[in-house]
mmCIF file of all heavy atoms, coordinates in Angstrom:
data_MODEL
# 
_entry.id   MODEL 
# 
loop_
_atom_site.group_PDB 
_atom_site.id 
_atom_site.type_symbol 
_atom_site.label_atom_id 
_atom_site.label_alt_id 
_atom_site.label_comp_id 
_atom_site.label_asym_id 
_atom_site.label_entity_id 
_atom_site.label_seq_id 
_atom_site.pdbx_PDB_ins_code 
_atom_site.Cartn_x 
_atom_site.Cartn_y 
_atom_site.Cartn_z 
_atom_site.occupancy 
_atom_site.B_iso_or_equiv 
_atom_site.pdbx_formal_charge 
_atom_site.auth_seq_id 
_atom_site.auth_comp_id 
_atom_site.auth_asym_id 
_atom_site.auth_atom_id 
_atom_site.pdbx_PDB_model_num 
ATOM 1   N N   . LYS A 1 1  ? 88.080 121.315 75.762  1.00 0.00 ? 1  LYS A N   1 
ATOM 2   C CA  . LYS A 1 1  ? 86.958 120.468 75.372  1.00 0.00 ? 1  LYS A CA  1 
ATOM 3   C C   . LYS A 1 1  ? 87.306 118.997 75.609  1.00 0.00 ? 1  LYS A C   1 
ATOM 4   O O   . LYS A 1 1  ? 86.489 118.233 76.112  1.00 0.00 ? 1  LYS A O   1 
ATOM 5   C CB  . LYS A 1 1  ? 86.621 120.713 73.902  1.00 0.00 ? 1  LYS A CB  1 
ATOM 6   C CG  . LYS A 1 1  ? 85.377 120.001 73.447  1.00 0.00 ? 1  LYS A CG  1 
ATOM 7   C CD  . LYS A 1 1  ? 85.054 120.379 72.014  1.00 0.00 ? 1  LYS A CD  1 
ATOM 8   C CE  . LYS A 1 1  ? 83.840 119.623 71.537  1.00 0.00 ? 1  LYS A CE  1 
ATOM 9   N NZ  . LYS A 1 1  ? 83.550 119.900 70.137  1.00 0.00 ? 1  LYS A NZ  1 
ATOM 10  N N   . GLU A 1 2  ? 88.536 118.588 75.259  1.00 0.00 ? 2  GLU A N   1 
ATOM 11  C CA  . GLU A 1 2  ? 88.992 117.204 75.484  1.00 0.00 ? 2  GLU A CA  1 
ATOM 12  C C   . GLU A 1 2  ? 88.995 116.891 76.981  1.00 0.00 ? 2  GLU A C   1 
ATOM 13  O O   . GLU A 1 2  ? 88.581 115.815 77.399  1.00 0.00 ? 2  GLU A O   1 
ATOM 14  C CB  . GLU A 1 2  ? 90.390 117.003 74.898  1.00 0.00 ? 2  GLU A CB  1 
ATOM 15  C CG  . GLU A 1 2  ? 91.037 115.694 75.245  1.00 0.00 ? 2  GLU A CG  1 
ATOM 16  C CD  . GLU A 1 2  ? 90.423 114.504 74.542  1.00 0.00 ? 2  GLU A CD  1 
ATOM 17  O OE1 . GLU A 1 2  ? 89.836 114.676 73.473  1.00 0.00 ? 2  GLU A OE1 1 
ATOM 18  O OE2 . GLU A 1 2  ? 90.532 113.386 75.083  1.00 0.00 ? 2  GLU A OE2 1 
ATOM 19  N N   . MET A 1 3  ? 89.484 117.840 77.802  1.00 0.00 ? 3  MET A N   1 
ATOM 20  C CA  . MET A 1 3  ? 89.551 117.631 79.247  1.00 0.00 ? 3  MET A CA  1 
ATOM 21  C C   . MET A 1 3  ? 88.153 117.475 79.829  1.00 0.00 ? 3  MET A C   1 
ATOM 22  O O   . MET A 1 3  ? 87.923 116.615 80.674  1.00 0.00 ? 3  MET A O   1 
ATOM 23  C CB  . MET A 1 3  ? 90.289 118.786 79.924  1.00 0.00 ? 3  MET A CB  1 
ATOM 24  C CG  . MET A 1 3  ? 91.770 118.789 79.646  1.00 0.00 ? 3  MET A CG  1 
ATOM 25  S SD  . MET A 1 3  ? 92.627 120.256 80.252  1.00 0.00 ? 3  MET A SD  1 
ATOM 26  C CE  . MET A 1 3  ? 92.263 120.210 81.981  1.00 0.00 ? 3  MET A CE  1 
ATOM 27  N N   . ILE A 1 4  ? 87.213 118.296 79.373  1.00 0.00 ? 4  ILE A N   1 
ATOM 28  C CA  . ILE A 1 4  ? 85.847 118.207 79.881  1.00 0.00 ? 4  ILE A CA  1 
ATOM 29  C C   . ILE A 1 4  ? 85.241 116.869 79.476  1.00 0.00 ? 4  ILE A C   1 
ATOM 30  O O   . ILE A 1 4  ? 84.613 116.193 80.277  1.00 0.00 ? 4  ILE A O   1 
ATOM 31  C CB  . ILE A 1 4  ? 85.000 119.396 79.375  1.00 0.00 ? 4  ILE A CB  1 
ATOM 32  C CG1 . ILE A 1 4  ? 85.474 120.691 80.047  1.00 0.00 ? 4  ILE A CG1 1 
ATOM 33  C CG2 . ILE A 1 4  ? 83.513 119.165 79.654  1.00 0.00 ? 4  ILE A CG2 1 
ATOM 34  C CD1 . ILE A 1 4  ? 84.869 121.949 79.473  1.00 0.00 ? 4  ILE A CD1 1 
ATOM 35  N N   . GLY A 1 5  ? 85.457 116.463 78.227  1.00 0.00 ? 5  GLY A N   1 
ATOM 36  C CA  . GLY A 1 5  ? 84.921 115.187 77.757  1.00 0.00 ? 5  GLY A CA  1 
ATOM 37  C C   . GLY A 1 5  ? 85.469 114.010 78.540  1.00 0.00 ? 5  GLY A C   1 
ATOM 38  O O   . GLY A 1 5  ? 84.715 113.134 78.971  1.00 0.00 ? 5  GLY A O   1 
ATOM 39  N N   . SER A 1 6  ? 86.787 113.979 78.749  1.00 0.00 ? 6  SER A N   1 
ATOM 40  C CA  . SER A 1 6  ? 87.373 112.872 79.502  1.00 0.00 ? 6  SER A CA  1 
ATOM 41  C C   . SER A 1 6  ? 86.915 112.898 80.958  1.00 0.00 ? 6  SER A C   1 
ATOM 42  O O   . SER A 1 6  ? 86.684 111.855 81.553  1.00 0.00 ? 6  SER A O   1 
ATOM 43  C CB  . SER A 1 6  ? 88.901 112.890 79.411  1.00 0.00 ? 6  SER A CB  1 
ATOM 44  O OG  . SER A 1 6  ? 89.437 114.050 79.996  1.00 0.00 ? 6  SER A OG  1 
ATOM 45  N N   . SER A 1 7  ? 86.757 114.077 81.511  1.00 0.00 ? 7  SER A N   1 
ATOM 46  C CA  . SER A 1 7  ? 86.290 114.196 82.896  1.00 0.00 ? 7  SER A CA  1 
ATOM 47  C C   . SER A 1 7  ? 84.883 113.634 83.047  1.00 0.00 ? 7  SER A C   1 
ATOM 48  O O   . SER A 1 7  ? 84.587 112.923 84.008  1.00 0.00 ? 7  SER A O   1 
ATOM 49  C CB  . SER A 1 7  ? 86.308 115.659 83.351  1.00 0.00 ? 7  SER A CB  1 
ATOM 50  O OG  . SER A 1 7  ? 87.606 116.174 83.327  1.00 0.00 ? 7  SER A OG  1 
ATOM 51  N N   . ILE A 1 8  ? 84.029 113.944 82.086  1.00 0.00 ? 8  ILE A N   1 
ATOM 52  C CA  . ILE A 1 8  ? 82.653 113.450 82.154  1.00 0.00 ? 8  ILE A CA  1 
ATOM 53  C C   . ILE A 1 8  ? 82.617 111.937 82.005  1.00 0.00 ? 8  ILE A C   1 
ATOM 54  O O   . ILE A 1 8  ? 81.928 111.242 82.756  1.00 0.00 ? 8  ILE A O   1 
ATOM 55  C CB  . ILE A 1 8  ? 81.773 114.145 81.089  1.00 0.00 ? 8  ILE A CB  1 
ATOM 56  C CG1 . ILE A 1 8  ? 81.567 115.612 81.479  1.00 0.00 ? 8  ILE A CG1 1 
ATOM 57  C CG2 . ILE A 1 8  ? 80.432 113.440 80.931  1.00 0.00 ? 8  ILE A CG2 1 
ATOM 58  C CD1 . ILE A 1 8  ? 80.897 116.461 80.421  1.00 0.00 ? 8  ILE A CD1 1 
ATOM 59  N N   . VAL A 1 9  ? 83.370 111.409 81.048  1.00 0.00 ? 9  VAL A N   1 
ATOM 60  C CA  . VAL A 1 9  ? 83.367 109.956 80.822  1.00 0.00 ? 9  VAL A CA  1 
ATOM 61  C C   . VAL A 1 9  ? 83.944 109.225 82.032  1.00 0.00 ? 9  VAL A C   1 
ATOM 62  O O   . VAL A 1 9  ? 83.330 108.290 82.553  1.00 0.00 ? 9  VAL A O   1 
ATOM 63  C CB  . VAL A 1 9  ? 84.135 109.593 79.530  1.00 0.00 ? 9  VAL A CB  1 
ATOM 64  C CG1 . VAL A 1 9  ? 84.335 108.092 79.425  1.00 0.00 ? 9  VAL A CG1 1 
ATOM 65  C CG2 . VAL A 1 9  ? 83.404 110.122 78.308  1.00 0.00 ? 9  VAL A CG2 1 
ATOM 66  N N   . ILE A 1 10 ? 85.113 109.641 82.493  1.00 0.00 ? 10 ILE A N   1 
ATOM 67  C CA  . ILE A 1 10 ? 85.751 108.957 83.628  1.00 0.00 ? 10 ILE A CA  1 
ATOM 68  C C   . ILE A 1 10 ? 84.913 109.124 84.895  1.00 0.00 ? 10 ILE A C   1 
ATOM 69  O O   . ILE A 1 10 ? 84.705 108.158 85.641  1.00 0.00 ? 10 ILE A O   1 
ATOM 70  C CB  . ILE A 1 10 ? 87.198 109.457 83.824  1.00 0.00 ? 10 ILE A CB  1 
ATOM 71  C CG1 . ILE A 1 10 ? 88.063 108.971 82.650  1.00 0.00 ? 10 ILE A CG1 1 
ATOM 72  C CG2 . ILE A 1 10 ? 87.772 108.985 85.166  1.00 0.00 ? 10 ILE A CG2 1 
ATOM 73  C CD1 . ILE A 1 10 ? 89.450 109.567 82.593  1.00 0.00 ? 10 ILE A CD1 1 
ATOM 74  N N   . GLY A 1 11 ? 84.379 110.317 85.114  1.00 0.00 ? 11 GLY A N   1 
ATOM 75  C CA  . GLY A 1 11 ? 83.524 110.538 86.281  1.00 0.00 ? 11 GLY A CA  1 
ATOM 76  C C   . GLY A 1 11 ? 82.260 109.694 86.231  1.00 0.00 ? 11 GLY A C   1 
ATOM 77  O O   . GLY A 1 11 ? 81.839 109.114 87.248  1.00 0.00 ? 11 GLY A O   1 
ATOM 78  N N   . SER A 1 12 ? 81.667 109.583 85.058  1.00 0.00 ? 12 SER A N   1 
ATOM 79  C CA  . SER A 1 12 ? 80.444 108.778 84.899  1.00 0.00 ? 12 SER A CA  1 
ATOM 80  C C   . SER A 1 12 ? 80.713 107.298 85.112  1.00 0.00 ? 12 SER A C   1 
ATOM 81  O O   . SER A 1 12 ? 79.935 106.606 85.787  1.00 0.00 ? 12 SER A O   1 
ATOM 82  C CB  . SER A 1 12 ? 79.847 108.994 83.502  1.00 0.00 ? 12 SER A CB  1 
ATOM 83  O OG  . SER A 1 12 ? 79.451 110.333 83.343  1.00 0.00 ? 12 SER A OG  1 
ATOM 84  N N   . VAL A 1 13 ? 81.798 106.805 84.552  1.00 0.00 ? 13 VAL A N   1 
ATOM 85  C CA  . VAL A 1 13 ? 82.150 105.392 84.740  1.00 0.00 ? 13 VAL A CA  1 
ATOM 86  C C   . VAL A 1 13 ? 82.410 105.117 86.216  1.00 0.00 ? 13 VAL A C   1 
ATOM 87  O O   . VAL A 1 13 ? 81.931 104.116 86.776  1.00 0.00 ? 13 VAL A O   1 
ATOM 88  C CB  . VAL A 1 13 ? 83.358 104.995 83.869  1.00 0.00 ? 13 VAL A CB  1 
ATOM 89  C CG1 . VAL A 1 13 ? 83.888 103.617 84.261  1.00 0.00 ? 13 VAL A CG1 1 
ATOM 90  C CG2 . VAL A 1 13 ? 82.983 105.022 82.391  1.00 0.00 ? 13 VAL A CG2 1 
ATOM 91  N N   . THR A 1 14 ? 83.141 106.014 86.871  1.00 0.00 ? 14 THR A N   1 
ATOM 92  C CA  . THR A 1 14 ? 83.420 105.861 88.302  1.00 0.00 ? 14 THR A CA  1 
ATOM 93  C C   . THR A 1 14 ? 82.117 105.798 89.091  1.00 0.00 ? 14 THR A C   1 
ATOM 94  O O   . THR A 1 14 ? 81.932 104.932 89.951  1.00 0.00 ? 14 THR A O   1 
ATOM 95  C CB  . THR A 1 14 ? 84.296 107.020 88.811  1.00 0.00 ? 14 THR A CB  1 
ATOM 96  O OG1 . THR A 1 14 ? 85.520 107.029 88.085  1.00 0.00 ? 14 THR A OG1 1 
ATOM 97  C CG2 . THR A 1 14 ? 84.574 106.899 90.303  1.00 0.00 ? 14 THR A CG2 1 
ATOM 98  N N   . PHE A 1 15 ? 81.203 106.709 88.793  1.00 0.00 ? 15 PHE A N   1 
ATOM 99  C CA  . PHE A 1 15 ? 79.921 106.752 89.494  1.00 0.00 ? 15 PHE A CA  1 
ATOM 100 C C   . PHE A 1 15 ? 79.110 105.479 89.251  1.00 0.00 ? 15 PHE A C   1 
ATOM 101 O O   . PHE A 1 15 ? 78.579 104.879 90.187  1.00 0.00 ? 15 PHE A O   1 
ATOM 102 C CB  . PHE A 1 15 ? 79.123 107.994 89.065  1.00 0.00 ? 15 PHE A CB  1 
ATOM 103 C CG  . PHE A 1 15 ? 77.763 108.067 89.680  1.00 0.00 ? 15 PHE A CG  1 
ATOM 104 C CD1 . PHE A 1 15 ? 77.617 108.428 91.014  1.00 0.00 ? 15 PHE A CD1 1 
ATOM 105 C CD2 . PHE A 1 15 ? 76.634 107.780 88.938  1.00 0.00 ? 15 PHE A CD2 1 
ATOM 106 C CE1 . PHE A 1 15 ? 76.355 108.496 91.596  1.00 0.00 ? 15 PHE A CE1 1 
ATOM 107 C CE2 . PHE A 1 15 ? 75.369 107.835 89.506  1.00 0.00 ? 15 PHE A CE2 1 
ATOM 108 C CZ  . PHE A 1 15 ? 75.229 108.198 90.838  1.00 0.00 ? 15 PHE A CZ  1 
ATOM 109 N N   . LEU A 1 16 ? 79.035 105.054 87.989  1.00 0.00 ? 16 LEU A N   1 
ATOM 110 C CA  . LEU A 1 16 ? 78.249 103.862 87.658  1.00 0.00 ? 16 LEU A CA  1 
ATOM 111 C C   . LEU A 1 16 ? 78.821 102.605 88.320  1.00 0.00 ? 16 LEU A C   1 
ATOM 112 O O   . LEU A 1 16 ? 78.061 101.771 88.841  1.00 0.00 ? 16 LEU A O   1 
ATOM 113 C CB  . LEU A 1 16 ? 78.159 103.684 86.148  1.00 0.00 ? 16 LEU A CB  1 
ATOM 114 C CG  . LEU A 1 16 ? 77.303 104.721 85.427  1.00 0.00 ? 16 LEU A CG  1 
ATOM 115 C CD1 . LEU A 1 16 ? 77.421 104.555 83.914  1.00 0.00 ? 16 LEU A CD1 1 
ATOM 116 C CD2 . LEU A 1 16 ? 75.848 104.631 85.864  1.00 0.00 ? 16 LEU A CD2 1 
ATOM 117 N N   . VAL A 1 17 ? 80.129 102.466 88.319  1.00 0.00 ? 17 VAL A N   1 
ATOM 118 C CA  . VAL A 1 17 ? 80.732 101.296 88.968  1.00 0.00 ? 17 VAL A CA  1 
ATOM 119 C C   . VAL A 1 17 ? 80.498 101.368 90.479  1.00 0.00 ? 17 VAL A C   1 
ATOM 120 O O   . VAL A 1 17 ? 80.189 100.359 91.113  1.00 0.00 ? 17 VAL A O   1 
ATOM 121 C CB  . VAL A 1 17 ? 82.238 101.184 88.637  1.00 0.00 ? 17 VAL A CB  1 
ATOM 122 C CG1 . VAL A 1 17 ? 82.899 100.087 89.458  1.00 0.00 ? 17 VAL A CG1 1 
ATOM 123 C CG2 . VAL A 1 17 ? 82.425 100.917 87.146  1.00 0.00 ? 17 VAL A CG2 1 
ATOM 124 N N   . ALA A 1 18 ? 80.612 102.559 91.049  1.00 0.00 ? 18 ALA A N   1 
ATOM 125 C CA  . ALA A 1 18 ? 80.392 102.720 92.496  1.00 0.00 ? 18 ALA A CA  1 
ATOM 126 C C   . ALA A 1 18 ? 78.980 102.309 92.895  1.00 0.00 ? 18 ALA A C   1 
ATOM 127 O O   . ALA A 1 18 ? 78.759 101.838 94.016  1.00 0.00 ? 18 ALA A O   1 
ATOM 128 C CB  . ALA A 1 18 ? 80.671 104.161 92.923  1.00 0.00 ? 18 ALA A CB  1 
ATOM 129 N N   . LEU A 1 19 ? 78.039 102.457 91.978  1.00 0.00 ? 19 LEU A N   1 
ATOM 130 C CA  . LEU A 1 19 ? 76.670 102.012 92.271  1.00 0.00 ? 19 LEU A CA  1 
ATOM 131 C C   . LEU A 1 19 ? 76.596 100.505 92.491  1.00 0.00 ? 19 LEU A C   1 
ATOM 132 O O   . LEU A 1 19 ? 75.621 100.009 93.047  1.00 0.00 ? 19 LEU A O   1 
ATOM 133 C CB  . LEU A 1 19 ? 75.721 102.416 91.139  1.00 0.00 ? 19 LEU A CB  1 
ATOM 134 C CG  . LEU A 1 19 ? 75.383 103.900 91.039  1.00 0.00 ? 19 LEU A CG  1 
ATOM 135 C CD1 . LEU A 1 19 ? 74.478 104.140 89.825  1.00 0.00 ? 19 LEU A CD1 1 
ATOM 136 C CD2 . LEU A 1 19 ? 74.717 104.407 92.303  1.00 0.00 ? 19 LEU A CD2 1 
ATOM 137 N N   . GLY A 1 20 ? 77.628 99.790  92.079  1.00 0.00 ? 20 GLY A N   1 
ATOM 138 C CA  . GLY A 1 20 ? 77.675 98.346  92.282  1.00 0.00 ? 20 GLY A CA  1 
ATOM 139 C C   . GLY A 1 20 ? 77.631 97.938  93.734  1.00 0.00 ? 20 GLY A C   1 
ATOM 140 O O   . GLY A 1 20 ? 77.318 96.788  94.052  1.00 0.00 ? 20 GLY A O   1 
ATOM 141 N N   . THR A 1 21 ? 77.909 98.866  94.641  1.00 0.00 ? 21 THR A N   1 
ATOM 142 C CA  . THR A 1 21 ? 77.852 98.526  96.061  1.00 0.00 ? 21 THR A CA  1 
ATOM 143 C C   . THR A 1 21 ? 76.429 98.191  96.499  1.00 0.00 ? 21 THR A C   1 
ATOM 144 O O   . THR A 1 21 ? 76.247 97.559  97.537  1.00 0.00 ? 21 THR A O   1 
ATOM 145 C CB  . THR A 1 21 ? 78.393 99.667  96.956  1.00 0.00 ? 21 THR A CB  1 
ATOM 146 O OG1 . THR A 1 21 ? 77.626 100.845 96.713  1.00 0.00 ? 21 THR A OG1 1 
ATOM 147 C CG2 . THR A 1 21 ? 79.854 99.922  96.694  1.00 0.00 ? 21 THR A CG2 1 
ATOM 148 N N   . ILE A 1 22 ? 75.454 98.599  95.699  1.00 0.00 ? 22 ILE A N   1 
ATOM 149 C CA  . ILE A 1 22 ? 74.063 98.307  96.080  1.00 0.00 ? 22 ILE A CA  1 
ATOM 150 C C   . ILE A 1 22 ? 73.591 96.963  95.541  1.00 0.00 ? 22 ILE A C   1 
ATOM 151 O O   . ILE A 1 22 ? 72.427 96.607  95.708  1.00 0.00 ? 22 ILE A O   1 
ATOM 152 C CB  . ILE A 1 22 ? 73.097 99.436  95.635  1.00 0.00 ? 22 ILE A CB  1 
ATOM 153 C CG1 . ILE A 1 22 ? 73.079 99.565  94.114  1.00 0.00 ? 22 ILE A CG1 1 
ATOM 154 C CG2 . ILE A 1 22 ? 73.456 100.738 96.310  1.00 0.00 ? 22 ILE A CG2 1 
ATOM 155 C CD1 . ILE A 1 22 ? 72.012 100.505 93.587  1.00 0.00 ? 22 ILE A CD1 1 
ATOM 156 N N   . LEU A 1 23 ? 74.487 96.202  94.931  1.00 0.00 ? 23 LEU A N   1 
ATOM 157 C CA  . LEU A 1 23 ? 74.115 94.899  94.378  1.00 0.00 ? 23 LEU A CA  1 
ATOM 158 C C   . LEU A 1 23 ? 74.164 93.810  95.450  1.00 0.00 ? 23 LEU A C   1 
ATOM 159 O O   . LEU A 1 23 ? 74.823 92.799  95.309  1.00 0.00 ? 23 LEU A O   1 
ATOM 160 C CB  . LEU A 1 23 ? 75.030 94.531  93.203  1.00 0.00 ? 23 LEU A CB  1 
ATOM 161 C CG  . LEU A 1 23 ? 74.958 95.446  91.999  1.00 0.00 ? 23 LEU A CG  1 
ATOM 162 C CD1 . LEU A 1 23 ? 76.000 95.036  90.968  1.00 0.00 ? 23 LEU A CD1 1 
ATOM 163 C CD2 . LEU A 1 23 ? 73.561 95.434  91.397  1.00 0.00 ? 23 LEU A CD2 1 
ATOM 164 N N   . PHE A 1 24 ? 73.457 94.048  96.504  1.00 0.00 ? 24 PHE A N   1 
ATOM 165 C CA  . PHE A 1 24 ? 73.361 93.045  97.560  1.00 0.00 ? 24 PHE A CA  1 
ATOM 166 C C   . PHE A 1 24 ? 71.886 92.713  97.760  1.00 0.00 ? 24 PHE A C   1 
ATOM 167 O O   . PHE A 1 24 ? 71.007 93.454  97.332  1.00 0.00 ? 24 PHE A O   1 
ATOM 168 C CB  . PHE A 1 24 ? 74.003 93.525  98.863  1.00 0.00 ? 24 PHE A CB  1 
ATOM 169 C CG  . PHE A 1 24 ? 73.404 94.793  99.401  1.00 0.00 ? 24 PHE A CG  1 
ATOM 170 C CD1 . PHE A 1 24 ? 72.274 94.769  100.194 1.00 0.00 ? 24 PHE A CD1 1 
ATOM 171 C CD2 . PHE A 1 24 ? 73.983 96.021  99.115  1.00 0.00 ? 24 PHE A CD2 1 
ATOM 172 C CE1 . PHE A 1 24 ? 71.713 95.929  100.694 1.00 0.00 ? 24 PHE A CE1 1 
ATOM 173 C CE2 . PHE A 1 24 ? 73.440 97.190  99.609  1.00 0.00 ? 24 PHE A CE2 1 
ATOM 174 C CZ  . PHE A 1 24 ? 72.302 97.142  100.388 1.00 0.00 ? 24 PHE A CZ  1 
ATOM 175 N N   . ARG A 1 25 ? 71.654 91.609  98.396  1.00 0.00 ? 25 ARG A N   1 
ATOM 176 C CA  . ARG A 1 25 ? 70.281 91.196  98.662  1.00 0.00 ? 25 ARG A CA  1 
ATOM 177 C C   . ARG A 1 25 ? 69.862 91.764  100.014 1.00 0.00 ? 25 ARG A C   1 
ATOM 178 O O   . ARG A 1 25 ? 70.597 91.629  101.005 1.00 0.00 ? 25 ARG A O   1 
ATOM 179 C CB  . ARG A 1 25 ? 70.184 89.680  98.683  1.00 0.00 ? 25 ARG A CB  1 
ATOM 180 C CG  . ARG A 1 25 ? 70.567 89.046  97.354  1.00 0.00 ? 25 ARG A CG  1 
ATOM 181 C CD  . ARG A 1 25 ? 70.577 87.551  97.442  1.00 0.00 ? 25 ARG A CD  1 
ATOM 182 N NE  . ARG A 1 25 ? 71.539 87.112  98.462  1.00 0.00 ? 25 ARG A NE  1 
ATOM 183 C CZ  . ARG A 1 25 ? 72.130 85.940  98.484  1.00 0.00 ? 25 ARG A CZ  1 
ATOM 184 N NH1 . ARG A 1 25 ? 71.865 85.060  97.566  1.00 0.00 ? 25 ARG A NH1 1 
ATOM 185 N NH2 . ARG A 1 25 ? 72.990 85.624  99.426  1.00 0.00 ? 25 ARG A NH2 1 
ATOM 186 N N   . PRO A 1 26 ? 68.692 92.377  100.083 1.00 0.00 ? 26 PRO A N   1 
ATOM 187 C CA  . PRO A 1 26 ? 68.232 92.929  101.359 1.00 0.00 ? 26 PRO A CA  1 
ATOM 188 C C   . PRO A 1 26 ? 68.231 91.901  102.488 1.00 0.00 ? 26 PRO A C   1 
ATOM 189 O O   . PRO A 1 26 ? 68.459 92.249  103.640 1.00 0.00 ? 26 PRO A O   1 
ATOM 190 C CB  . PRO A 1 26 ? 66.809 93.414  101.044 1.00 0.00 ? 26 PRO A CB  1 
ATOM 191 C CG  . PRO A 1 26 ? 66.842 93.714  99.588  1.00 0.00 ? 26 PRO A CG  1 
ATOM 192 C CD  . PRO A 1 26 ? 67.780 92.683  98.992  1.00 0.00 ? 26 PRO A CD  1 
ATOM 193 N N   . ARG A 1 27 ? 68.029 90.631  102.157 1.00 0.00 ? 27 ARG A N   1 
ATOM 194 C CA  . ARG A 1 27 ? 67.998 89.606  103.213 1.00 0.00 ? 27 ARG A CA  1 
ATOM 195 C C   . ARG A 1 27 ? 69.380 89.385  103.842 1.00 0.00 ? 27 ARG A C   1 
ATOM 196 O O   . ARG A 1 27 ? 69.488 88.746  104.884 1.00 0.00 ? 27 ARG A O   1 
ATOM 197 C CB  . ARG A 1 27 ? 67.433 88.300  102.676 1.00 0.00 ? 27 ARG A CB  1 
ATOM 198 C CG  . ARG A 1 27 ? 68.310 87.613  101.667 1.00 0.00 ? 27 ARG A CG  1 
ATOM 199 C CD  . ARG A 1 27 ? 67.705 86.284  101.240 1.00 0.00 ? 27 ARG A CD  1 
ATOM 200 N NE  . ARG A 1 27 ? 68.566 85.618  100.303 1.00 0.00 ? 27 ARG A NE  1 
ATOM 201 C CZ  . ARG A 1 27 ? 68.175 85.059  99.194  1.00 0.00 ? 27 ARG A CZ  1 
ATOM 202 N NH1 . ARG A 1 27 ? 66.903 85.068  98.868  1.00 0.00 ? 27 ARG A NH1 1 
ATOM 203 N NH2 . ARG A 1 27 ? 69.028 84.478  98.396  1.00 0.00 ? 27 ARG A NH2 1 
# 
């Protein structure tokens, strides 16, 4: 249960930070 919880949290944080690549201006 601890492993699943840490996997979800770390995976989610990784995914959310990776979304930062879209923080550019289309122009």
